[in-house]
All heavy atoms as atom14 arrays in JSON, in Angstrom:
{
  "sequence": "VATLLSKGVFPHEERNEYKKMILEDLRDKCAEIEIRLRAPKVVYSDE",
  "atom14_mask": [
    [1, 1, 1, 1, 1, 1, 1, 0, 0, 0, 0, 0, 0, 0],
    [1, 1, 1, 1, 1, 0, 0, 0, 0, 0, 0, 0, 0, 0],
    [1, 1, 1, 1, 1, 1, 1, 0, 0, 0, 0, 0, 0, 0],
    [1, 1, 1, 1, 1, 1, 1, 1, 0, 0, 0, 0, 0, 0],
    [1, 1, 1, 1, 1, 1, 1, 1, 0, 0, 0, 0, 0, 0],
    [1, 1, 1, 1, 1, 1, 0, 0, 0, 0, 0, 0, 0, 0],
    [1, 1, 1, 1, 1, 1, 1, 1, 1, 0, 0, 0, 0, 0],
    [1, 1, 1, 1, 0, 0, 0, 0, 0, 0, 0, 0, 0, 0],
    [1, 1, 1, 1, 1, 1, 1, 0, 0, 0, 0, 0, 0, 0],
    [1, 1, 1, 1, 1, 1, 1, 1, 1, 1, 1, 0, 0, 0],
    [1, 1, 1, 1, 1, 1, 1, 0, 0, 0, 0, 0, 0, 0],
    [1, 1, 1, 1, 1, 1, 1, 1, 1, 1, 0, 0, 0, 0],
    [1, 1, 1, 1, 1, 1, 1, 1, 1, 0, 0, 0, 0, 0],
    [1, 1, 1, 1, 1, 1, 1, 1, 1, 0, 0, 0, 0, 0],
    [1, 1, 1, 1, 1, 1, 1, 1, 1, 1, 1, 0, 0, 0],
    [1, 1, 1, 1, 1, 1, 1, 1, 0, 0, 0, 0, 0, 0],
    [1, 1, 1, 1, 1, 1, 1, 1, 1, 0, 0, 0, 0, 0],
    [1, 1, 1, 1, 1, 1, 1, 1, 1, 1, 1, 1, 0, 0],
    [1, 1, 1, 1, 1, 1, 1, 1, 1, 0, 0, 0, 0, 0],
    [1, 1, 1, 1, 1, 1, 1, 1, 1, 0, 0, 0, 0, 0],
    [1, 1, 1, 1, 1, 1, 1, 1, 0, 0, 0, 0, 0, 0],
    [1, 1, 1, 1, 1, 1, 1, 1, 0, 0, 0, 0, 0, 0],
    [1, 1, 1, 1, 1, 1, 1, 1, 0, 0, 0, 0, 0, 0],
    [1, 1, 1, 1, 1, 1, 1, 1, 1, 0, 0, 0, 0, 0],
    [1, 1, 1, 1, 1, 1, 1, 1, 0, 0, 0, 0, 0, 0],
    [1, 1, 1, 1, 1, 1, 1, 1, 0, 0, 0, 0, 0, 0],
    [1, 1, 1, 1, 1, 1, 1, 1, 1, 1, 1, 0, 0, 0],
    [1, 1, 1, 1, 1, 1, 1, 1, 0, 0, 0, 0, 0, 0],
    [1, 1, 1, 1, 1, 1, 1, 1, 1, 0, 0, 0, 0, 0],
    [1, 1, 1, 1, 1, 1, 0, 0, 0, 0, 0, 0, 0, 0],
    [1, 1, 1, 1, 1, 0, 0, 0, 0, 0, 0, 0, 0, 0],
    [1, 1, 1, 1, 1, 1, 1, 1, 1, 0, 0, 0, 0, 0],
    [1, 1, 1, 1, 1, 1, 1, 1, 0, 0, 0, 0, 0, 0],
    [1, 1, 1, 1, 1, 1, 1, 1, 1, 0, 0, 0, 0, 0],
    [1, 1, 1, 1, 1, 1, 1, 1, 0, 0, 0, 0, 0, 0],
    [1, 1, 1, 1, 1, 1, 1, 1, 1, 1, 1, 0, 0, 0],
    [1, 1, 1, 1, 1, 1, 1, 1, 0, 0, 0, 0, 0, 0],
    [1, 1, 1, 1, 1, 1, 1, 1, 1, 1, 1, 0, 0, 0],
    [1, 1, 1, 1, 1, 0, 0, 0, 0, 0, 0, 0, 0, 0],
    [1, 1, 1, 1, 1, 1, 1, 0, 0, 0, 0, 0, 0, 0],
    [1, 1, 1, 1, 1, 1, 1, 1, 1, 0, 0, 0, 0, 0],
    [1, 1, 1, 1, 1, 1, 1, 0, 0, 0, 0, 0, 0, 0],
    [1, 1, 1, 1, 1, 1, 1, 0, 0, 0, 0, 0, 0, 0],
    [1, 1, 1, 1, 1, 1, 1, 1, 1, 1, 1, 1, 0, 0],
    [1, 1, 1, 1, 1, 1, 0, 0, 0, 0, 0, 0, 0, 0],
    [1, 1, 1, 1, 1, 1, 1, 1, 0, 0, 0, 0, 0, 0],
    [1, 1, 1, 1, 1, 1, 1, 1, 1, 0, 0, 0, 0, 0]
  ],
  "atom14_positions": [
    [[-4.02, 6.8, -11.96], [-2.57, 6.85, -12.2], [-2.27, 7.72, -13.42], [-1.34, 8.54, -13.39], [-1.99, 5.43, -12.34], [-0.54, 5.47, -12.81], [-2.09, 4.69, -11.02], [0.0, 0.0, 0.0], [0.0, 0.0, 0.0], [0.0, 0.0, 0.0], [0.0, 0.0, 0.0], [0.0, 0.0, 0.0], [0.0, 0.0, 0.0], [0.0, 0.0, 0.0]],
    [[-3.05, 7.58, -14.48], [-2.85, 8.39, -15.69], [-3.0, 9.87, -15.39], [-2.22, 10.7, -15.89], [-3.82, 7.95, -16.78], [0.0, 0.0, 0.0], [0.0, 0.0, 0.0], [0.0, 0.0, 0.0], [0.0, 0.0, 0.0], [0.0, 0.0, 0.0], [0.0, 0.0, 0.0], [0.0, 0.0, 0.0], [0.0, 0.0, 0.0], [0.0, 0.0, 0.0]],
    [[-3.98, 10.22, -14.57], [-4.17, 11.62, -14.2], [-2.97, 12.15, -13.43], [-2.47, 13.25, -13.7], [-5.45, 11.78, -13.34], [-6.57, 11.36, -14.12], [-5.65, 13.21, -12.9], [0.0, 0.0, 0.0], [0.0, 0.0, 0.0], [0.0, 0.0, 0.0], [0.0, 0.0, 0.0], [0.0, 0.0, 0.0], [0.0, 0.0, 0.0], [0.0, 0.0, 0.0]],
    [[-2.49, 11.36, -12.48], [-1.32, 11.78, -11.7], [-0.08, 11.89, -12.59], [0.72, 12.81, -12.43], [-1.09, 10.81, -10.55], [-2.18, 10.8, -9.47], [-1.93, 9.67, -8.48], [-2.25, 12.13, -8.76], [0.0, 0.0, 0.0], [0.0, 0.0, 0.0], [0.0, 0.0, 0.0], [0.0, 0.0, 0.0], [0.0, 0.0, 0.0], [0.0, 0.0, 0.0]],
    [[0.06, 10.96, -13.52], [1.18, 11.02, -14.47], [1.12, 12.29, -15.3], [2.13, 12.96, -15.5], [1.15, 9.81, -15.4], [1.96, 8.6, -15.02], [1.69, 7.45, -15.98], [3.44, 8.9, -14.97], [0.0, 0.0, 0.0], [0.0, 0.0, 0.0], [0.0, 0.0, 0.0], [0.0, 0.0, 0.0], [0.0, 0.0, 0.0], [0.0, 0.0, 0.0]],
    [[-0.07, 12.62, -15.78], [-0.23, 13.81, -16.62], [0.08, 15.1, -15.87], [0.46, 16.1, -16.47], [-1.64, 13.88, -17.2], [-2.58, 14.21, -16.2], [0.0, 0.0, 0.0], [0.0, 0.0, 0.0], [0.0, 0.0, 0.0], [0.0, 0.0, 0.0], [0.0, 0.0, 0.0], [0.0, 0.0, 0.0], [0.0, 0.0, 0.0], [0.0, 0.0, 0.0]],
    [[-0.03, 15.05, -14.54], [0.27, 16.22, -13.72], [1.72, 16.22, -13.24], [2.14, 17.1, -12.5], [-0.68, 16.29, -12.53], [-2.11, 16.52, -12.96], [-3.04, 16.63, -11.8], [-4.45, 16.8, -12.35], [-5.32, 17.53, -11.48], [0.0, 0.0, 0.0], [0.0, 0.0, 0.0], [0.0, 0.0, 0.0], [0.0, 0.0, 0.0], [0.0, 0.0, 0.0]],
    [[2.48, 15.19, -13.65], [3.88, 15.12, -13.29], [4.15, 14.77, -11.84], [5.19, 15.11, -11.3], [0.0, 0.0, 0.0], [0.0, 0.0, 0.0], [0.0, 0.0, 0.0], [0.0, 0.0, 0.0], [0.0, 0.0, 0.0], [0.0, 0.0, 0.0], [0.0, 0.0, 0.0], [0.0, 0.0, 0.0], [0.0, 0.0, 0.0], [0.0, 0.0, 0.0]],
    [[3.21, 14.08, -11.21], [3.36, 13.73, -9.8], [4.5, 12.73, -9.6], [5.19, 12.78, -8.58], [2.03, 13.18, -9.24], [2.19, 12.68, -7.82], [0.95, 14.25, -9.31], [0.0, 0.0, 0.0], [0.0, 0.0, 0.0], [0.0, 0.0, 0.0], [0.0, 0.0, 0.0], [0.0, 0.0, 0.0], [0.0, 0.0, 0.0], [0.0, 0.0, 0.0]],
    [[4.71, 11.84, -10.57], [5.81, 10.89, -10.49], [6.23, 10.55, -11.92], [5.47, 10.73, -12.87], [5.42, 9.62, -9.72], [4.13, 8.99, -10.15], [4.09, 8.13, -11.23], [2.97, 9.25, -9.46], [2.89, 7.56, -11.63], [1.77, 8.68, -9.85], [1.73, 7.82, -10.94], [0.0, 0.0, 0.0], [0.0, 0.0, 0.0], [0.0, 0.0, 0.0]],
    [[7.48, 10.09, -12.09], [7.96, 9.76, -13.44], [7.28, 8.51, -14.02], [6.9, 7.61, -13.28], [9.46, 9.5, -13.23], [9.74, 9.61, -11.78], [8.48, 9.94, -11.06], [0.0, 0.0, 0.0], [0.0, 0.0, 0.0], [0.0, 0.0, 0.0], [0.0, 0.0, 0.0], [0.0, 0.0, 0.0], [0.0, 0.0, 0.0], [0.0, 0.0, 0.0]],
    [[7.15, 8.48, -15.32], [6.47, 7.38, -16.01], [7.11, 6.02, -15.69], [6.39, 5.03, -15.52], [6.48, 7.62, -17.53], [5.74, 6.55, -18.28], [4.38, 6.38, -18.18], [6.19, 5.58, -19.13], [4.01, 5.36, -18.93], [5.09, 4.86, -19.52], [0.0, 0.0, 0.0], [0.0, 0.0, 0.0], [0.0, 0.0, 0.0], [0.0, 0.0, 0.0]],
    [[8.42, 5.99, -15.58], [9.09, 4.7, -15.32], [8.79, 4.13, -13.93], [9.02, 2.96, -13.67], [10.61, 4.8, -15.55], [11.31, 5.88, -14.76], [11.32, 7.24, -15.46], [10.79, 7.37, -16.58], [11.85, 8.18, -14.86], [0.0, 0.0, 0.0], [0.0, 0.0, 0.0], [0.0, 0.0, 0.0], [0.0, 0.0, 0.0], [0.0, 0.0, 0.0]],
    [[8.26, 4.98, -13.04], [7.89, 4.51, -11.7], [6.38, 4.27, -11.56], [5.86, 4.09, -10.47], [8.37, 5.51, -10.66], [9.88, 5.64, -10.61], [10.35, 6.68, -9.62], [9.55, 7.13, -8.77], [11.52, 7.06, -9.7], [0.0, 0.0, 0.0], [0.0, 0.0, 0.0], [0.0, 0.0, 0.0], [0.0, 0.0, 0.0], [0.0, 0.0, 0.0]],
    [[5.7, 4.26, -12.7], [4.24, 4.13, -12.74], [3.72, 2.91, -11.98], [2.81, 3.02, -11.16], [3.8, 4.07, -14.2], [2.33, 3.94, -14.42], [2.03, 3.89, -15.92], [0.62, 4.06, -16.17], [-0.27, 3.09, -16.13], [0.1, 1.87, -15.83], [-1.54, 3.34, -16.38], [0.0, 0.0, 0.0], [0.0, 0.0, 0.0], [0.0, 0.0, 0.0]],
    [[4.28, 1.75, -12.22], [3.78, 0.52, -11.6], [3.98, 0.51, -10.09], [3.11, 0.04, -9.35], [4.42, -0.71, -12.24], [3.89, -0.96, -13.63], [2.76, -0.61, -13.95], [4.71, -1.55, -14.49], [0.0, 0.0, 0.0], [0.0, 0.0, 0.0], [0.0, 0.0, 0.0], [0.0, 0.0, 0.0], [0.0, 0.0, 0.0], [0.0, 0.0, 0.0]],
    [[5.13, 1.01, -9.64], [5.37, 1.06, -8.19], [4.37, 1.99, -7.51], [3.81, 1.67, -6.47], [6.8, 1.53, -7.88], [7.87, 0.54, -8.29], [8.28, 0.68, -9.75], [8.09, 1.75, -10.35], [8.78, -0.32, -10.31], [0.0, 0.0, 0.0], [0.0, 0.0, 0.0], [0.0, 0.0, 0.0], [0.0, 0.0, 0.0], [0.0, 0.0, 0.0]],
    [[4.15, 3.16, -8.13], [3.19, 4.11, -7.57], [1.77, 3.57, -7.63], [0.98, 3.76, -6.71], [3.29, 5.47, -8.26], [4.37, 6.33, -7.68], [5.64, 6.36, -8.23], [4.12, 7.11, -6.55], [6.64, 7.14, -7.68], [5.11, 7.89, -5.99], [6.37, 7.91, -6.57], [7.35, 8.68, -6.01], [0.0, 0.0, 0.0], [0.0, 0.0, 0.0]],
    [[1.45, 2.86, -8.7], [0.11, 2.27, -8.82], [-0.14, 1.32, -7.66], [-1.21, 1.36, -7.04], [-0.02, 1.54, -10.16], [-1.36, 0.87, -10.35], [-1.42, 0.17, -11.7], [-2.71, -0.59, -11.88], [-2.79, -1.25, -13.19], [0.0, 0.0, 0.0], [0.0, 0.0, 0.0], [0.0, 0.0, 0.0], [0.0, 0.0, 0.0], [0.0, 0.0, 0.0]],
    [[0.84, 0.47, -7.34], [0.69, -0.46, -6.23], [0.53, 0.28, -4.9], [-0.32, -0.09, -4.09], [1.91, -1.39, -6.15], [1.97, -2.41, -7.26], [3.24, -3.22, -7.18], [3.42, -4.1, -8.4], [4.72, -4.77, -8.42], [0.0, 0.0, 0.0], [0.0, 0.0, 0.0], [0.0, 0.0, 0.0], [0.0, 0.0, 0.0], [0.0, 0.0, 0.0]],
    [[1.33, 1.32, -4.69], [1.25, 2.08, -3.43], [-0.09, 2.81, -3.31], [-0.7, 2.82, -2.25], [2.4, 3.09, -3.34], [3.74, 2.44, -3.07], [5.05, 3.64, -2.74], [5.23, 4.43, -4.33], [0.0, 0.0, 0.0], [0.0, 0.0, 0.0], [0.0, 0.0, 0.0], [0.0, 0.0, 0.0], [0.0, 0.0, 0.0], [0.0, 0.0, 0.0]],
    [[-0.52, 3.41, -4.41], [-1.79, 4.14, -4.4], [-2.94, 3.18, -4.14], [-3.84, 3.47, -3.34], [-1.98, 4.9, -5.74], [-0.95, 6.02, -5.86], [-3.41, 5.46, -5.84], [-0.84, 6.61, -7.26], [0.0, 0.0, 0.0], [0.0, 0.0, 0.0], [0.0, 0.0, 0.0], [0.0, 0.0, 0.0], [0.0, 0.0, 0.0], [0.0, 0.0, 0.0]],
    [[-2.93, 2.05, -4.8], [-3.98, 1.05, -4.63], [-4.03, 0.56, -3.19], [-5.11, 0.45, -2.59], [-3.76, -0.11, -5.6], [-4.91, -1.03, -5.88], [-6.15, -0.27, -6.32], [-4.52, -2.03, -6.97], [0.0, 0.0, 0.0], [0.0, 0.0, 0.0], [0.0, 0.0, 0.0], [0.0, 0.0, 0.0], [0.0, 0.0, 0.0], [0.0, 0.0, 0.0]],
    [[-2.89, 0.3, -2.61], [-2.83, -0.14, -1.21], [-3.38, 0.94, -0.28], [-4.16, 0.66, 0.63], [-1.39, -0.48, -0.82], [-1.26, -0.98, 0.59], [0.18, -1.35, 0.95], [1.01, -1.53, 0.05], [0.45, -1.43, 2.16], [0.0, 0.0, 0.0], [0.0, 0.0, 0.0], [0.0, 0.0, 0.0], [0.0, 0.0, 0.0], [0.0, 0.0, 0.0]],
    [[-3.01, 2.19, -0.55], [-3.5, 3.3, 0.28], [-5.01, 3.45, 0.16], [-5.71, 3.62, 1.16], [-2.79, 4.6, -0.14], [-3.16, 5.76, 0.75], [-3.01, 5.65, 1.99], [-3.62, 6.8, 0.22], [0.0, 0.0, 0.0], [0.0, 0.0, 0.0], [0.0, 0.0, 0.0], [0.0, 0.0, 0.0], [0.0, 0.0, 0.0], [0.0, 0.0, 0.0]],
    [[-5.53, 3.37, -1.05], [-6.97, 3.48, -1.26], [-7.72, 2.35, -0.56], [-8.75, 2.58, 0.08], [-7.31, 3.47, -2.76], [-6.85, 4.68, -3.57], [-7.07, 4.43, -5.06], [-7.55, 5.95, -3.12], [0.0, 0.0, 0.0], [0.0, 0.0, 0.0], [0.0, 0.0, 0.0], [0.0, 0.0, 0.0], [0.0, 0.0, 0.0], [0.0, 0.0, 0.0]],
    [[-7.2, 1.14, -0.65], [-7.83, 0.0, 0.01], [-7.81, 0.15, 1.53], [-8.78, -0.19, 2.21], [-7.16, -1.3, -0.42], [-7.51, -1.7, -1.83], [-6.83, -2.97, -2.25], [-7.25, -3.38, -3.59], [-6.5, -4.04, -4.43], [-5.28, -4.4, -4.09], [-6.96, -4.36, -5.62], [0.0, 0.0, 0.0], [0.0, 0.0, 0.0], [0.0, 0.0, 0.0]],
    [[-6.69, 0.63, 2.07], [-6.59, 0.85, 3.52], [-7.62, 1.88, 3.98], [-8.29, 1.7, 5.0], [-5.19, 1.31, 3.91], [-4.14, 0.21, 3.81], [-4.52, -0.97, 3.69], [-2.94, 0.55, 3.86], [0.0, 0.0, 0.0], [0.0, 0.0, 0.0], [0.0, 0.0, 0.0], [0.0, 0.0, 0.0], [0.0, 0.0, 0.0], [0.0, 0.0, 0.0]],
    [[-7.73, 2.97, 3.24], [-8.7, 4.01, 3.59], [-10.13, 3.48, 3.51], [-10.96, 3.79, 4.37], [-8.53, 5.23, 2.68], [-7.28, 6.02, 2.96], [-7.14, 7.17, 1.99], [-5.86, 7.95, 2.27], [-5.67, 9.06, 1.32], [0.0, 0.0, 0.0], [0.0, 0.0, 0.0], [0.0, 0.0, 0.0], [0.0, 0.0, 0.0], [0.0, 0.0, 0.0]],
    [[-10.4, 2.7, 2.5], [-11.73, 2.12, 2.33], [-12.05, 1.18, 3.49], [-13.16, 1.21, 4.04], [-11.81, 1.4, 0.99], [-13.49, 0.98, 0.48], [0.0, 0.0, 0.0], [0.0, 0.0, 0.0], [0.0, 0.0, 0.0], [0.0, 0.0, 0.0], [0.0, 0.0, 0.0], [0.0, 0.0, 0.0], [0.0, 0.0, 0.0], [0.0, 0.0, 0.0]],
    [[-11.1, 0.37, 3.88], [-11.29, -0.56, 5.01], [-11.55, 0.22, 6.3], [-12.4, -0.17, 7.1], [-10.07, -1.47, 5.15], [0.0, 0.0, 0.0], [0.0, 0.0, 0.0], [0.0, 0.0, 0.0], [0.0, 0.0, 0.0], [0.0, 0.0, 0.0], [0.0, 0.0, 0.0], [0.0, 0.0, 0.0], [0.0, 0.0, 0.0], [0.0, 0.0, 0.0]],
    [[-10.84, 1.31, 6.51], [-11.04, 2.13, 7.71], [-12.45, 2.72, 7.73], [-13.12, 2.73, 8.76], [-10.0, 3.25, 7.77], [-10.16, 4.18, 8.95], [-9.98, 3.51, 10.3], [-9.2, 2.55, 10.4], [-10.64, 3.95, 11.26], [0.0, 0.0, 0.0], [0.0, 0.0, 0.0], [0.0, 0.0, 0.0], [0.0, 0.0, 0.0], [0.0, 0.0, 0.0]],
    [[-12.92, 3.18, 6.59], [-14.27, 3.73, 6.53], [-15.3, 2.63, 6.78], [-16.31, 2.87, 7.46], [-14.51, 4.45, 5.2], [-13.67, 5.74, 5.16], [-15.99, 4.79, 5.01], [-13.7, 6.49, 3.86], [0.0, 0.0, 0.0], [0.0, 0.0, 0.0], [0.0, 0.0, 0.0], [0.0, 0.0, 0.0], [0.0, 0.0, 0.0], [0.0, 0.0, 0.0]],
    [[-15.07, 1.43, 6.27], [-15.98, 0.31, 6.52], [-16.09, 0.05, 8.02], [-17.18, -0.21, 8.54], [-15.52, -0.95, 5.79], [-15.63, -0.88, 4.28], [-17.05, -0.93, 3.76], [-18.0, -1.19, 4.53], [-17.22, -0.7, 2.55], [0.0, 0.0, 0.0], [0.0, 0.0, 0.0], [0.0, 0.0, 0.0], [0.0, 0.0, 0.0], [0.0, 0.0, 0.0]],
    [[-14.97, 0.11, 8.71], [-14.97, -0.08, 10.17], [-15.79, 1.02, 10.84], [-16.61, 0.76, 11.73], [-13.52, -0.11, 10.72], [-12.83, -1.39, 10.26], [-13.51, 0.02, 12.24], [-11.33, -1.39, 10.48], [0.0, 0.0, 0.0], [0.0, 0.0, 0.0], [0.0, 0.0, 0.0], [0.0, 0.0, 0.0], [0.0, 0.0, 0.0], [0.0, 0.0, 0.0]],
    [[-15.59, 2.24, 10.4], [-16.31, 3.38, 10.98], [-17.81, 3.29, 10.71], [-18.62, 3.7, 11.53], [-15.74, 4.69, 10.45], [-14.34, 4.97, 10.95], [-13.81, 6.27, 10.41], [-12.45, 6.52, 10.88], [-11.85, 7.69, 10.82], [-12.48, 8.72, 10.28], [-10.62, 7.83, 11.26], [0.0, 0.0, 0.0], [0.0, 0.0, 0.0], [0.0, 0.0, 0.0]],
    [[-18.18, 2.75, 9.56], [-19.6, 2.62, 9.23], [-20.31, 1.65, 10.17], [-21.51, 1.77, 10.4], [-19.77, 2.15, 7.78], [-19.59, 3.24, 6.72], [-19.45, 2.61, 5.34], [-20.74, 4.23, 6.75], [0.0, 0.0, 0.0], [0.0, 0.0, 0.0], [0.0, 0.0, 0.0], [0.0, 0.0, 0.0], [0.0, 0.0, 0.0], [0.0, 0.0, 0.0]],
    [[-19.56, 0.72, 10.73], [-20.16, -0.23, 11.66], [-20.37, 0.37, 13.05], [-20.99, -0.27, 13.91], [-19.29, -1.49, 11.74], [-19.33, -2.3, 10.45], [-18.74, -3.68, 10.6], [-17.33, -3.72, 10.88], [-16.36, -3.81, 9.96], [-16.67, -3.85, 8.69], [-15.1, -3.87, 10.33], [0.0, 0.0, 0.0], [0.0, 0.0, 0.0], [0.0, 0.0, 0.0]],
    [[-19.85, 1.56, 13.27], [-20.02, 2.24, 14.56], [-20.52, 3.66, 14.31], [-19.78, 4.63, 14.44], [-18.69, 2.26, 15.31], [0.0, 0.0, 0.0], [0.0, 0.0, 0.0], [0.0, 0.0, 0.0], [0.0, 0.0, 0.0], [0.0, 0.0, 0.0], [0.0, 0.0, 0.0], [0.0, 0.0, 0.0], [0.0, 0.0, 0.0], [0.0, 0.0, 0.0]],
    [[-21.79, 3.8, 13.93], [-22.32, 5.1, 13.52], [-22.36, 6.17, 14.61], [-22.46, 7.35, 14.31], [-23.72, 4.79, 13.01], [-24.09, 3.5, 13.65], [-22.81, 2.75, 13.86], [0.0, 0.0, 0.0], [0.0, 0.0, 0.0], [0.0, 0.0, 0.0], [0.0, 0.0, 0.0], [0.0, 0.0, 0.0], [0.0, 0.0, 0.0], [0.0, 0.0, 0.0]],
    [[-22.25, 5.77, 15.86], [-22.29, 6.75, 16.94], [-20.9, 7.15, 17.43], [-20.76, 7.95, 18.34], [-23.14, 6.24, 18.09], [-24.6, 6.1, 17.69], [-25.5, 6.1, 18.89], [-26.93, 5.91, 18.45], [-27.64, 7.13, 18.22], [0.0, 0.0, 0.0], [0.0, 0.0, 0.0], [0.0, 0.0, 0.0], [0.0, 0.0, 0.0], [0.0, 0.0, 0.0]],
    [[-19.88, 6.58, 16.79], [-18.5, 6.97, 17.1], [-18.03, 7.89, 15.98], [-18.06, 7.52, 14.81], [-17.58, 5.73, 17.21], [-16.14, 6.16, 17.45], [-18.06, 4.79, 18.3], [0.0, 0.0, 0.0], [0.0, 0.0, 0.0], [0.0, 0.0, 0.0], [0.0, 0.0, 0.0], [0.0, 0.0, 0.0], [0.0, 0.0, 0.0], [0.0, 0.0, 0.0]],
    [[-17.6, 9.08, 16.37], [-17.18, 10.08, 15.39], [-15.73, 10.45, 15.68], [-15.36, 10.67, 16.83], [-18.08, 11.33, 15.45], [-17.62, 12.38, 14.46], [-19.53, 10.96, 15.19], [0.0, 0.0, 0.0], [0.0, 0.0, 0.0], [0.0, 0.0, 0.0], [0.0, 0.0, 0.0], [0.0, 0.0, 0.0], [0.0, 0.0, 0.0], [0.0, 0.0, 0.0]],
    [[-14.93, 10.53, 14.63], [-13.51, 10.84, 14.76], [-13.27, 12.31, 14.41], [-14.02, 12.92, 13.65], [-12.7, 9.93, 13.84], [-12.8, 8.48, 14.24], [-13.9, 7.71, 13.86], [-11.82, 7.89, 15.01], [-14.01, 6.38, 14.24], [-11.93, 6.56, 15.4], [-13.01, 5.82, 15.01], [-13.12, 4.51, 15.39], [0.0, 0.0, 0.0], [0.0, 0.0, 0.0]],
    [[-12.2, 12.86, 14.97], [-11.93, 14.29, 14.78], [-11.78, 14.66, 13.31], [-12.23, 15.73, 12.89], [-10.69, 14.72, 15.57], [-9.55, 14.03, 15.11], [0.0, 0.0, 0.0], [0.0, 0.0, 0.0], [0.0, 0.0, 0.0], [0.0, 0.0, 0.0], [0.0, 0.0, 0.0], [0.0, 0.0, 0.0], [0.0, 0.0, 0.0], [0.0, 0.0, 0.0]],
    [[-11.16, 13.79, 12.5], [-11.01, 14.11, 11.08], [-12.37, 14.2, 10.39], [-12.56, 14.99, 9.47], [-10.11, 13.1, 10.38], [-10.66, 11.68, 10.38], [-11.08, 11.21, 11.45], [-10.66, 11.05, 9.31], [0.0, 0.0, 0.0], [0.0, 0.0, 0.0], [0.0, 0.0, 0.0], [0.0, 0.0, 0.0], [0.0, 0.0, 0.0], [0.0, 0.0, 0.0]],
    [[-13.34, 13.44, 10.88], [-14.68, 13.49, 10.3], [-15.39, 14.78, 10.7], [-16.14, 15.36, 9.91], [-15.5, 12.28, 10.74], [-14.94, 10.98, 10.19], [-15.63, 9.77, 10.74], [-15.84, 9.69, 11.97], [-15.96, 8.88, 9.93], [0.0, 0.0, 0.0], [0.0, 0.0, 0.0], [0.0, 0.0, 0.0], [0.0, 0.0, 0.0], [0.0, 0.0, 0.0]]
  ]
}
């Protein structure tokens, strides 16, 4: 979040809201990869 703030991605006063959204997004992506790891012979186009 500090790195994104320093680059002006979002205003400082919206830091906590963005932190929650970013954290949720990162967790969702991590969960999706965990699912994909359980199926090593299934490959997705983005991969």
